[in-house]
Amino acid sequence: MARLIEELRKLPGIGSKTAQRLAFHVLRSPGEDAERLSEAIREIKKHLRLCSICNNITDVDPCGYCTSATRNQRLVCVVEEPTNIATIEKTRSYNGVYHVLHGTLSPIGGVGPEQLRIANLLTRVAEGADRSGIDEVILATSPTTEGEATAFYISAELHKTSSAVKVTRIATGVPAGSDIEYADEVTMMRSLEGRREF
């Protein structure tokens, strides 16, 4: 039981109490449920991997986005996590490809450029620029301190790698449906800076 609790604690967002509750739930559950859970974990580790081009989670390499003939391969959107892709895809307004960093820079957390998938982005852009392959890189990291630092770092590195590639940042501002009265200064400033003709 202690070993199971310890393993469950390693999962993100799971503390000691939650791990203990989950362990007791598994203990009380029918054996078939525990078998299905362990089989699902084995299957995901066996069949899923990271795409060799964009680092998205996939069961085929390269992934469907990178091999799609209908997507704009000259437009690359850089995101923090694979789950961010679904958020962008829901808009139905983006038809380019992706690059997943698997995190953000966080000196306090011990996460530097070496721990992220930045090197293969730079290689991808350099190789694409040599073949006139990539026109624009969109930095779609979160507007947090870590996300901003990551976007700034990548932008600087991309400008060193290739001057021909356009580097853009997603706009941030007041969310739809909210009241301007509750917007903080930084959000309001970015809303004003990112304004467009109406």
Protein backbone atom coordinates (compact mmCIF):
# COMPACT_ATOMS: atom_id res chain seq x y z
CA MET A 1 0.00 0.00 0.00
CA ALA A 2 2.82 2.41 0.90
CA ARG A 3 4.49 1.75 -2.46
CA LEU A 4 1.28 2.48 -4.38
CA ILE A 5 0.72 5.70 -2.41
CA GLU A 6 4.30 6.78 -3.09
CA GLU A 7 3.91 6.11 -6.84
CA LEU A 8 0.60 7.98 -6.99
CA ARG A 9 2.18 10.98 -5.22
CA LYS A 10 4.55 11.35 -8.17
CA LEU A 11 1.62 12.34 -10.39
CA PRO A 12 1.17 16.11 -10.89
CA GLY A 13 -1.37 17.68 -8.55
CA ILE A 14 -1.57 14.62 -6.32
CA GLY A 15 -0.62 15.15 -2.68
CA SER A 16 -0.31 12.62 0.11
CA LYS A 17 -4.00 12.65 1.10
CA THR A 18 -5.24 12.31 -2.48
CA ALA A 19 -2.73 9.54 -3.17
CA GLN A 20 -3.93 7.71 -0.07
CA ARG A 21 -7.59 8.05 -1.14
CA LEU A 22 -6.79 6.80 -4.63
CA ALA A 23 -4.82 3.83 -3.26
CA PHE A 24 -7.72 2.81 -1.00
CA HIS A 25 -10.13 3.24 -3.92
CA VAL A 26 -8.00 0.86 -6.02
CA LEU A 27 -7.91 -1.59 -3.09
CA ARG A 28 -11.73 -1.56 -2.74
CA SER A 29 -12.37 -1.73 -6.50
CA PRO A 30 -12.92 -5.03 -8.30
CA GLY A 31 -9.78 -6.69 -9.62
CA GLU A 32 -10.95 -6.11 -13.21
CA ASP A 33 -10.92 -2.32 -12.67
CA ALA A 34 -7.34 -2.43 -11.38
CA GLU A 35 -6.33 -4.62 -14.33
CA ARG A 36 -7.94 -2.22 -16.83
CA LEU A 37 -6.15 0.72 -15.20
CA SER A 38 -2.77 -0.99 -15.26
CA GLU A 39 -3.36 -2.15 -18.87
CA ALA A 40 -4.28 1.41 -19.94
CA ILE A 41 -1.04 2.69 -18.39
CA ARG A 42 1.01 -0.05 -20.10
CA GLU A 43 -0.67 0.64 -23.46
CA ILE A 44 -0.06 4.38 -23.34
CA LYS A 45 3.61 3.82 -22.57
CA LYS A 46 3.88 1.18 -25.29
CA HIS A 47 2.08 2.95 -28.15
CA LEU A 48 2.39 6.70 -27.60
CA ARG A 49 5.53 8.70 -28.25
CA LEU A 50 6.60 12.23 -29.11
CA CYS A 51 6.55 13.31 -32.74
CA SER A 52 10.12 13.65 -34.01
CA ILE A 53 9.26 16.97 -35.69
CA CYS A 54 6.88 18.87 -33.38
CA ASN A 55 7.07 16.92 -30.06
CA ASN A 56 3.30 16.40 -29.91
CA ILE A 57 2.06 13.16 -28.39
CA THR A 58 1.27 10.69 -31.16
CA ASP A 59 0.91 7.04 -32.02
CA VAL A 60 2.55 7.52 -35.45
CA ASP A 61 5.77 9.37 -36.19
CA PRO A 62 5.65 11.98 -37.63
CA CYS A 63 2.23 13.01 -36.31
CA GLY A 64 -0.89 13.80 -38.32
CA TYR A 65 -0.35 17.58 -38.14
CA CYS A 66 3.20 17.36 -39.49
CA THR A 67 2.25 15.06 -42.37
CA SER A 68 -1.06 16.70 -43.32
CA ALA A 69 -1.18 17.96 -46.89
CA THR A 70 -4.00 20.36 -45.99
CA ARG A 71 -2.12 22.23 -43.25
CA ASN A 72 0.16 25.20 -43.89
CA GLN A 73 3.61 23.74 -43.17
CA ARG A 74 5.14 27.23 -43.49
CA LEU A 75 3.37 28.46 -40.33
CA VAL A 76 4.51 27.07 -36.95
CA CYS A 77 2.68 27.76 -33.68
CA VAL A 78 4.83 27.21 -30.57
CA VAL A 79 2.87 26.02 -27.50
CA GLU A 80 3.85 25.01 -23.98
CA GLU A 81 2.04 21.66 -23.71
CA PRO A 82 0.29 19.18 -26.04
CA THR A 83 -3.04 20.10 -24.40
CA ASN A 84 -2.66 23.66 -25.76
CA ILE A 85 -3.10 22.33 -29.30
CA ALA A 86 -6.70 21.31 -28.59
CA THR A 87 -7.47 24.83 -27.36
CA ILE A 88 -6.13 26.37 -30.57
CA GLU A 89 -7.82 23.76 -32.76
CA LYS A 90 -11.21 24.59 -31.17
CA THR A 91 -11.03 28.05 -32.74
CA ARG A 92 -11.07 26.48 -36.24
CA SER A 93 -9.11 29.52 -37.40
CA TYR A 94 -5.56 28.14 -37.39
CA ASN A 95 -4.38 25.82 -40.15
CA GLY A 96 -0.64 25.69 -39.58
CA VAL A 97 1.51 23.16 -37.73
CA TYR A 98 2.76 23.11 -34.14
CA HIS A 99 5.84 22.84 -31.99
CA VAL A 100 5.42 21.69 -28.37
CA LEU A 101 7.97 22.84 -25.79
CA HIS A 102 6.76 20.64 -22.91
CA GLY A 103 7.01 23.44 -20.36
CA THR A 104 8.31 26.96 -19.88
CA LEU A 105 11.54 28.47 -18.64
CA SER A 106 11.58 28.62 -14.86
CA PRO A 107 14.93 29.36 -13.21
CA ILE A 108 13.35 28.90 -9.76
CA GLY A 109 12.03 25.49 -10.78
CA GLY A 110 15.34 24.53 -12.37
CA VAL A 111 13.94 24.54 -15.91
CA GLY A 112 16.33 26.04 -18.45
CA PRO A 113 16.40 25.96 -22.26
CA GLU A 114 18.09 22.53 -22.14
CA GLN A 115 15.05 20.97 -20.43
CA LEU A 116 12.63 22.27 -23.08
CA ARG A 117 12.27 21.31 -26.75
CA ILE A 118 13.78 24.58 -27.97
CA ALA A 119 16.90 23.23 -29.71
CA ASN A 120 14.93 21.17 -32.22
CA LEU A 121 12.67 24.19 -32.90
CA LEU A 122 15.74 26.25 -33.81
CA THR A 123 17.04 23.42 -35.99
CA ARG A 124 13.61 23.02 -37.60
CA VAL A 125 13.41 26.74 -38.40
CA ALA A 126 17.01 26.92 -39.67
CA GLU A 127 16.50 23.90 -41.94
CA GLY A 128 13.12 25.23 -43.06
CA ALA A 129 14.56 28.67 -43.80
CA ASP A 130 17.32 27.09 -45.90
CA ARG A 131 14.63 25.38 -48.01
CA SER A 132 12.29 28.41 -47.89
CA GLY A 133 10.04 26.27 -45.75
CA ILE A 134 8.94 28.32 -42.71
CA ASP A 135 7.58 31.85 -43.09
CA GLU A 136 6.31 32.57 -39.58
CA VAL A 137 6.65 31.30 -36.03
CA ILE A 138 3.80 32.22 -33.67
CA LEU A 139 4.76 32.20 -29.99
CA ALA A 140 1.62 31.04 -28.17
CA THR A 141 2.95 30.66 -24.64
CA SER A 142 0.79 31.72 -21.71
CA PRO A 143 0.94 35.37 -20.59
CA THR A 144 2.55 34.38 -17.27
CA THR A 145 6.02 35.45 -16.15
CA GLU A 146 7.43 32.08 -17.25
CA GLY A 147 5.49 32.12 -20.55
CA GLU A 148 6.66 35.65 -21.35
CA ALA A 149 10.29 34.80 -20.50
CA THR A 150 10.08 31.71 -22.71
CA ALA A 151 8.61 33.69 -25.62
CA PHE A 152 11.28 36.38 -25.25
CA TYR A 153 14.09 33.80 -25.15
CA ILE A 154 12.78 31.90 -28.19
CA SER A 155 12.27 35.13 -30.13
CA ALA A 156 15.87 36.19 -29.48
CA GLU A 157 17.20 32.76 -30.48
CA LEU A 158 15.06 32.64 -33.63
CA HIS A 159 16.32 36.05 -34.73
CA LYS A 160 19.89 34.74 -34.35
CA THR A 161 19.02 31.58 -36.30
CA SER A 162 17.19 33.13 -39.25
CA SER A 163 16.43 36.73 -40.09
CA ALA A 164 14.04 35.64 -42.86
CA VAL A 165 11.49 34.07 -40.50
CA LYS A 166 8.80 36.33 -39.07
CA VAL A 167 8.34 35.87 -35.29
CA THR A 168 4.98 36.91 -33.81
CA ARG A 169 3.35 36.70 -30.38
CA ILE A 170 -0.29 35.94 -29.66
CA ALA A 171 -2.29 38.96 -28.55
CA THR A 172 -3.47 39.16 -24.96
CA GLY A 173 -6.08 41.40 -23.45
CA VAL A 174 -9.50 41.66 -21.87
CA PRO A 175 -11.36 38.32 -22.20
CA ALA A 176 -14.68 38.31 -24.07
CA GLY A 177 -17.64 38.59 -21.71
CA SER A 178 -15.71 40.25 -18.90
CA ASP A 179 -15.90 43.78 -17.54
CA ILE A 180 -13.05 46.24 -18.19
CA GLU A 181 -13.43 47.42 -14.60
CA TYR A 182 -11.84 44.16 -13.39
CA ALA A 183 -8.89 44.13 -15.83
CA ASP A 184 -5.45 44.67 -14.30
CA GLU A 185 -3.03 47.29 -15.65
CA VAL A 186 -0.89 44.86 -17.67
CA THR A 187 -3.93 43.26 -19.32
CA MET A 188 -5.39 46.68 -20.15
CA MET A 189 -2.05 47.91 -21.51
CA ARG A 190 -1.75 44.86 -23.77
CA SER A 191 -5.35 45.28 -24.91
CA LEU A 192 -4.57 48.83 -26.00
CA GLU A 193 -1.28 47.86 -27.65
CA GLY A 194 -2.89 44.94 -29.51
CA ARG A 195 -5.85 46.94 -30.82
CA ARG A 196 -6.80 46.63 -34.49
CA GLU A 197 -8.93 48.53 -36.93
CA PHE A 198 -12.68 48.02 -36.47
